[in-house]
PDB file of N, CA and C in Angstrom:
ATOM      1  N   MET A   1     -66.936 143.786  46.910  1.00  0.00           N
ATOM      2  CA  MET A   1     -65.434 143.528  46.976  1.00  0.00           C
ATOM      3  C   MET A   1     -65.361 142.152  47.983  1.00  0.00           C
ATOM      4  N   ARG A   2     -64.280 141.441  48.019  1.00  0.00           N
ATOM      5  CA  ARG A   2     -63.705 140.348  48.312  1.00  0.00           C
ATOM      6  C   ARG A   2     -62.511 139.771  48.123  1.00  0.00           C
ATOM      7  N   LEU A   3     -61.914 139.526  49.040  1.00  0.00           N
ATOM      8  CA  LEU A   3     -60.218 139.497  49.251  1.00  0.00           C
ATOM      9  C   LEU A   3     -59.951 138.077  48.177  1.00  0.00           C
ATOM     10  N   ARG A   4     -58.949 138.257  47.842  1.00  0.00           N
ATOM     11  CA  ARG A   4     -58.470 136.830  46.860  1.00  0.00           C
ATOM     12  C   ARG A   4     -56.949 137.000  47.392  1.00  0.00           C
ATOM     13  N   SER A   5     -56.430 135.532  47.554  1.00  0.00           N
ATOM     14  CA  SER A   5     -55.497 135.074  47.576  1.00  0.00           C
ATOM     15  C   SER A   5     -55.063 134.409  46.299  1.00  0.00           C
ATOM     16  N   LEU A   6     -53.501 135.084  46.096  1.00  0.00           N
ATOM     17  CA  LEU A   6     -53.212 134.745  44.513  1.00  0.00           C
ATOM     18  C   LEU A   6     -51.621 134.017  44.691  1.00  0.00           C
ATOM     19  N   GLN A   7     -50.885 132.817  43.951  1.00  0.00           N
ATOM     20  CA  GLN A   7     -49.772 132.878  44.077  1.00  0.00           C
ATOM     21  C   GLN A   7     -49.473 132.340  42.755  1.00  0.00           C
ATOM     22  N   ARG A   8     -48.569 132.984  42.217  1.00  0.00           N
ATOM     23  CA  ARG A   8     -48.089 132.933  40.809  1.00  0.00           C
ATOM     24  C   ARG A   8     -46.372 133.018  40.667  1.00  0.00           C
ATOM     25  N   ASP A   9     -45.709 132.369  39.602  1.00  0.00           N
ATOM     26  CA  ASP A   9     -44.578 131.952  39.116  1.00  0.00           C
ATOM     27  C   ASP A   9     -44.534 132.719  37.995  1.00  0.00           C
ATOM     28  N   LEU A  10     -43.652 133.763  37.480  1.00  0.00           N
ATOM     29  CA  LEU A  10     -43.561 134.511  36.586  1.00  0.00           C
ATOM     30  C   LEU A  10     -41.980 134.263  36.504  1.00  0.00           C
ATOM     31  N   VAL A  11     -41.360 134.895  35.068  1.00  0.00           N
ATOM     32  CA  VAL A  11     -40.388 135.078  34.441  1.00  0.00           C
ATOM     33  C   VAL A  11     -39.499 136.154  34.490  1.00  0.00           C
ATOM     34  N   TRP A  12     -38.787 136.319  35.535  1.00  0.00           N
ATOM     35  CA  TRP A  12     -37.921 137.744  35.676  1.00  0.00           C
ATOM     36  C   TRP A  12     -37.358 137.887  34.746  1.00  0.00           C
ATOM     37  N   PRO A  13     -37.776 139.241  33.602  1.00  0.00           N
ATOM     38  CA  PRO A  13     -37.199 139.540  32.254  1.00  0.00           C
ATOM     39  C   PRO A  13     -35.916 140.209  32.456  1.00  0.00           C
ATOM     40  N   PRO A  14     -34.847 139.697  31.660  1.00  0.00           N
ATOM     41  CA  PRO A  14     -33.795 140.531  32.224  1.00  0.00           C
ATOM     42  C   PRO A  14     -33.506 142.208  31.899  1.00  0.00           C
ATOM     43  N   ASP A  15     -34.222 142.426  31.205  1.00  0.00           N
ATOM     44  CA  ASP A  15     -34.159 144.100  31.606  1.00  0.00           C
ATOM     45  C   ASP A  15     -34.971 144.667  32.093  1.00  0.00           C
ATOM     46  N   VAL A  16     -35.951 144.210  33.375  1.00  0.00           N
ATOM     47  CA  VAL A  16     -35.877 144.542  34.912  1.00  0.00           C
ATOM     48  C   VAL A  16     -34.799 144.541  35.775  1.00  0.00           C
ATOM     49  N   PRO A  17     -34.372 145.491  36.406  1.00  0.00           N
ATOM     50  CA  PRO A  17     -33.432 145.253  37.416  1.00  0.00           C
ATOM     51  C   PRO A  17     -33.953 145.136  38.623  1.00  0.00           C
ATOM     52  N   PRO A  18     -33.571 144.904  39.851  1.00  0.00           N
ATOM     53  CA  PRO A  18     -34.148 144.559  41.164  1.00  0.00           C
ATOM     54  C   PRO A  18     -34.873 145.822  41.617  1.00  0.00           C
ATOM     55  N   SER A  19     -33.830 146.850  40.975  1.00  0.00           N
ATOM     56  CA  SER A  19     -34.454 148.117  41.814  1.00  0.00           C
ATOM     57  C   SER A  19     -35.994 148.156  41.132  1.00  0.00           C
ATOM     58  N   GLN A  20     -36.388 147.475  40.015  1.00  0.00           N
ATOM     59  CA  GLN A  20     -37.650 148.009  39.505  1.00  0.00           C
ATOM     60  C   GLN A  20     -38.611 147.096  39.632  1.00  0.00           C
ATOM     61  N   LEU A  21     -38.395 145.864  40.183  1.00  0.00           N
ATOM     62  CA  LEU A  21     -39.364 145.008  40.697  1.00  0.00           C
ATOM     63  C   LEU A  21     -40.668 144.954  41.492  1.00  0.00           C
ATOM     64  N   ARG A  22     -40.628 146.117  41.972  1.00  0.00           N
ATOM     65  CA  ARG A  22     -41.625 146.167  42.840  1.00  0.00           C
ATOM     66  C   ARG A  22     -42.898 146.841  41.705  1.00  0.00           C
ATOM     67  N   CYS A  23     -42.307 148.003  40.807  1.00  0.00           N
ATOM     68  CA  CYS A  23     -43.106 148.344  39.895  1.00  0.00           C
ATOM     69  C   CYS A  23     -43.491 147.524  39.095  1.00  0.00           C
ATOM     70  N   TRP A  24     -42.591 146.666  38.258  1.00  0.00           N
ATOM     71  CA  TRP A  24     -43.245 145.493  37.488  1.00  0.00           C
ATOM     72  C   TRP A  24     -43.941 144.616  38.197  1.00  0.00           C
ATOM     73  N   LEU A  25     -43.975 143.994  39.649  1.00  0.00           N
ATOM     74  CA  LEU A  25     -44.677 143.220  39.559  1.00  0.00           C
ATOM     75  C   LEU A  25     -45.882 143.973  39.875  1.00  0.00           C
ATOM     76  N   ARG A  26     -46.248 145.025  40.287  1.00  0.00           N
ATOM     77  CA  ARG A  26     -47.718 145.691  40.080  1.00  0.00           C
ATOM     78  C   ARG A  26     -47.968 145.887  38.721  1.00  0.00           C
ATOM     79  N   GLN A  27     -47.501 145.851  37.764  1.00  0.00           N
ATOM     80  CA  GLN A  27     -47.882 145.983  36.725  1.00  0.00           C
ATOM     81  C   GLN A  27     -48.742 145.085  36.254  1.00  0.00           C
ATOM     82  N   GLN A  28     -48.028 143.696  36.131  1.00  0.00           N
ATOM     83  CA  GLN A  28     -48.227 142.252  36.153  1.00  0.00           C
ATOM     84  C   GLN A  28     -49.495 142.086  36.775  1.00  0.00           C
ATOM     85  N   LEU A  29     -50.040 142.544  37.884  1.00  0.00           N
ATOM     86  CA  LEU A  29     -50.897 141.982  38.729  1.00  0.00           C
ATOM     87  C   LEU A  29     -52.104 143.211  38.957  1.00  0.00           C
ATOM     88  N   ALA A  30     -51.887 144.244  38.214  1.00  0.00           N
ATOM     89  CA  ALA A  30     -53.023 145.169  37.826  1.00  0.00           C
ATOM     90  C   ALA A  30     -54.407 144.929  37.167  1.00  0.00           C
ATOM     91  N   ALA A  31     -54.300 143.900  36.462  1.00  0.00           N
ATOM     92  CA  ALA A  31     -56.104 143.320  35.701  1.00  0.00           C
ATOM     93  C   ALA A  31     -56.414 142.413  36.959  1.00  0.00           C
ATOM     94  N   GLU A  32     -55.804 141.893  38.014  1.00  0.00           N
ATOM     95  CA  GLU A  32     -56.561 141.459  38.747  1.00  0.00           C
ATOM     96  C   GLU A  32     -57.146 141.745  39.988  1.00  0.00           C
ATOM     97  N   GLY A  33     -57.049 142.961  40.526  1.00  0.00           N
ATOM     98  CA  GLY A  33     -57.657 143.559  41.558  1.00  0.00           C
ATOM     99  C   GLY A  33     -56.428 144.427  42.156  1.00  0.00           C
ATOM    100  N   GLU A  34     -57.122 144.769  43.241  1.00  0.00           N
ATOM    101  CA  GLU A  34     -56.662 146.032  44.494  1.00  0.00           C
ATOM    102  C   GLU A  34     -55.288 145.151  44.745  1.00  0.00           C
ATOM    103  N   LEU A  35     -54.200 145.613  44.455  1.00  0.00           N
ATOM    104  CA  LEU A  35     -52.829 145.060  45.171  1.00  0.00           C
ATOM    105  C   LEU A  35     -52.954 144.827  47.024  1.00  0.00           C
ATOM    106  N   LEU A  36     -53.255 144.590  47.778  1.00  0.00           N
ATOM    107  CA  LEU A  36     -53.052 144.981  49.317  1.00  0.00           C
ATOM    108  C   LEU A  36     -51.703 144.550  50.033  1.00  0.00           C
ATOM    109  N   ARG A  37     -51.550 143.121  49.557  1.00  0.00           N
ATOM    110  CA  ARG A  37     -50.337 142.761  49.755  1.00  0.00           C
ATOM    111  C   ARG A  37     -49.251 141.936  49.162  1.00  0.00           C
ATOM    112  N   TRP A  38     -47.825 142.254  49.107  1.00  0.00           N
ATOM    113  CA  TRP A  38     -47.293 140.999  48.060  1.00  0.00           C
ATOM    114  C   TRP A  38     -46.221 140.454  49.020  1.00  0.00           C
ATOM    115  N   ALA A  39     -45.482 139.411  48.505  1.00  0.00           N
ATOM    116  CA  ALA A  39     -44.226 139.159  48.819  1.00  0.00           C
ATOM    117  C   ALA A  39     -43.728 138.249  47.998  1.00  0.00           C
ATOM    118  N   ILE A  40     -42.656 138.515  47.391  1.00  0.00           N
ATOM    119  CA  ILE A  40     -41.297 137.634  47.145  1.00  0.00           C
ATOM    120  C   ILE A  40     -41.277 136.102  47.604  1.00  0.00           C
ATOM    121  N   THR A  41     -41.562 134.932  47.337  1.00  0.00           N
ATOM    122  CA  THR A  41     -41.102 133.981  48.694  1.00  0.00           C
ATOM    123  C   THR A  41     -39.910 133.331  48.128  1.00  0.00           C
ATOM    124  N   ALA A  42     -39.532 133.510  46.545  1.00  0.00           N
ATOM    125  CA  ALA A  42     -38.847 132.733  45.906  1.00  0.00           C
ATOM    126  C   ALA A  42     -38.109 133.379  44.952  1.00  0.00           C
ATOM    127  N   VAL A  43     -36.870 133.082  44.514  1.00  0.00           N
ATOM    128  CA  VAL A  43     -36.159 133.674  43.041  1.00  0.00           C
ATOM    129  C   VAL A  43     -35.424 132.184  42.871  1.00  0.00           C
ATOM    130  N   ILE A  44     -35.429 131.672  41.587  1.00  0.00           N
ATOM    131  CA  ILE A  44     -35.171 130.260  41.261  1.00  0.00           C
ATOM    132  C   ILE A  44     -34.167 130.957  39.687  1.00  0.00           C
ATOM    133  N   SER A  45     -33.080 130.543  39.798  1.00  0.00           N
ATOM    134  CA  SER A  45     -31.844 130.945  38.743  1.00  0.00           C
ATOM    135  C   SER A  45     -31.785 129.475  37.830  1.00  0.00           C
ATOM    136  N   GLN A  46     -32.070 129.506  36.855  1.00  0.00           N
ATOM    137  CA  GLN A  46     -32.089 128.360  36.053  1.00  0.00           C
ATOM    138  C   GLN A  46     -30.805 128.381  35.374  1.00  0.00           C
ATOM    139  N   PRO A  47     -30.056 127.321  35.106  1.00  0.00           N
ATOM    140  CA  PRO A  47     -28.352 127.214  34.273  1.00  0.00           C
ATOM    141  C   PRO A  47     -28.655 127.783  33.233  1.00  0.00           C
ATOM    142  N   ASP A  48     -29.852 127.781  32.218  1.00  0.00           N
ATOM    143  CA  ASP A  48     -29.332 128.675  31.120  1.00  0.00           C
ATOM    144  C   ASP A  48     -29.701 130.313  31.434  1.00  0.00           C
ATOM    145  N   GLY A  49     -29.937 130.529  32.467  1.00  0.00           N
ATOM    146  CA  GLY A  49     -29.323 132.001  32.809  1.00  0.00           C
ATOM    147  C   GLY A  49     -31.200 132.531  33.056  1.00  0.00           C
ATOM    148  N   GLU A  50     -32.226 131.783  32.803  1.00  0.00           N
ATOM    149  CA  GLU A  50     -33.862 132.322  33.090  1.00  0.00           C
ATOM    150  C   GLU A  50     -34.044 132.551  34.599  1.00  0.00           C
ATOM    151  N   ARG A  51     -34.550 133.435  35.124  1.00  0.00           N
ATOM    152  CA  ARG A  51     -34.978 134.083  36.425  1.00  0.00           C
ATOM    153  C   ARG A  51     -36.454 133.611  36.557  1.00  0.00           C
ATOM    154  N   ARG A  52     -36.541 133.430  37.850  1.00  0.00           N
ATOM    155  CA  ARG A  52     -38.033 133.050  37.689  1.00  0.00           C
ATOM    156  C   ARG A  52     -37.896 133.233  39.202  1.00  0.00           C
ATOM    157  N   LEU A  53     -39.488 134.431  39.179  1.00  0.00           N
ATOM    158  CA  LEU A  53     -39.949 134.707  40.706  1.00  0.00           C
ATOM    159  C   LEU A  53     -41.319 133.732  41.126  1.00  0.00           C
ATOM    160  N   GLN A  54     -41.371 133.568  42.729  1.00  0.00           N
ATOM    161  CA  GLN A  54     -42.253 133.170  43.345  1.00  0.00           C
ATOM    162  C   GLN A  54     -43.003 133.971  43.851  1.00  0.00           C
ATOM    163  N   PHE A  55     -44.236 134.379  44.003  1.00  0.00           N
ATOM    164  CA  PHE A  55     -44.912 135.378  44.981  1.00  0.00           C
ATOM    165  C   PHE A  55     -45.984 134.916  45.232  1.00  0.00           C
ATOM    166  N   GLU A  56     -46.703 135.548  46.227  1.00  0.00           N
ATOM    167  CA  GLU A  56     -47.970 135.658  46.637  1.00  0.00           C
ATOM    168  C   GLU A  56     -48.204 137.115  47.024  1.00  0.00           C
ATOM    169  N   ALA A  57     -49.592 137.125  46.924  1.00  0.00           N
ATOM    170  CA  ALA A  57     -50.344 137.978  47.022  1.00  0.00           C
ATOM    171  C   ALA A  57     -51.724 138.165  47.620  1.00  0.00           C
ATOM    172  N   VAL A  58     -52.478 139.199  48.332  1.00  0.00           N
ATOM    173  CA  VAL A  58     -53.673 139.374  48.383  1.00  0.00           C
ATOM    174  C   VAL A  58     -54.340 140.744  47.617  1.00  0.00           C
ATOM    175  N   LEU A  59     -55.260 140.497  47.277  1.00  0.00           N
ATOM    176  CA  LEU A  59     -55.674 141.320  46.231  1.00  0.00           C
ATOM    177  C   LEU A  59     -57.544 141.651  46.734  1.00  0.00           C
ATOM    178  N   LEU A  60     -57.893 142.727  46.450  1.00  0.00           N
ATOM    179  CA  LEU A  60     -59.324 143.142  46.719  1.00  0.00           C
ATOM    180  C   LEU A  60     -59.660 142.841  45.235  1.00  0.00           C
ATOM    181  N   SER A  61     -60.918 142.112  44.592  1.00  0.00           N
ATOM    182  CA  SER A  61     -61.559 141.938  43.902  1.00  0.00           C
ATOM    183  C   SER A  61     -63.310 142.822  43.800  1.00  0.00           C
ATOM    184  N   PRO A  62     -63.188 143.112  42.668  1.00  0.00           N
ATOM    185  CA  PRO A  62     -64.940 143.690  42.489  1.00  0.00           C
ATOM    186  C   PRO A  62     -65.696 142.149  42.505  1.00  0.00           C
TER     187      PRO A  62
END
């Protein structure tokens, strides 16, 4: 087992409300390993209405 740091930028789907972000982000990272810690570091709103999330995570990988 090893610790791994990860930084990602994902499109925030319009059908995912803020109250469901935790569950959605955990699902997005499930294949990467066991999620130990994570934080949303930025939310970017584009002029066309697209929203992007920047986040950091620490994972435990086999």
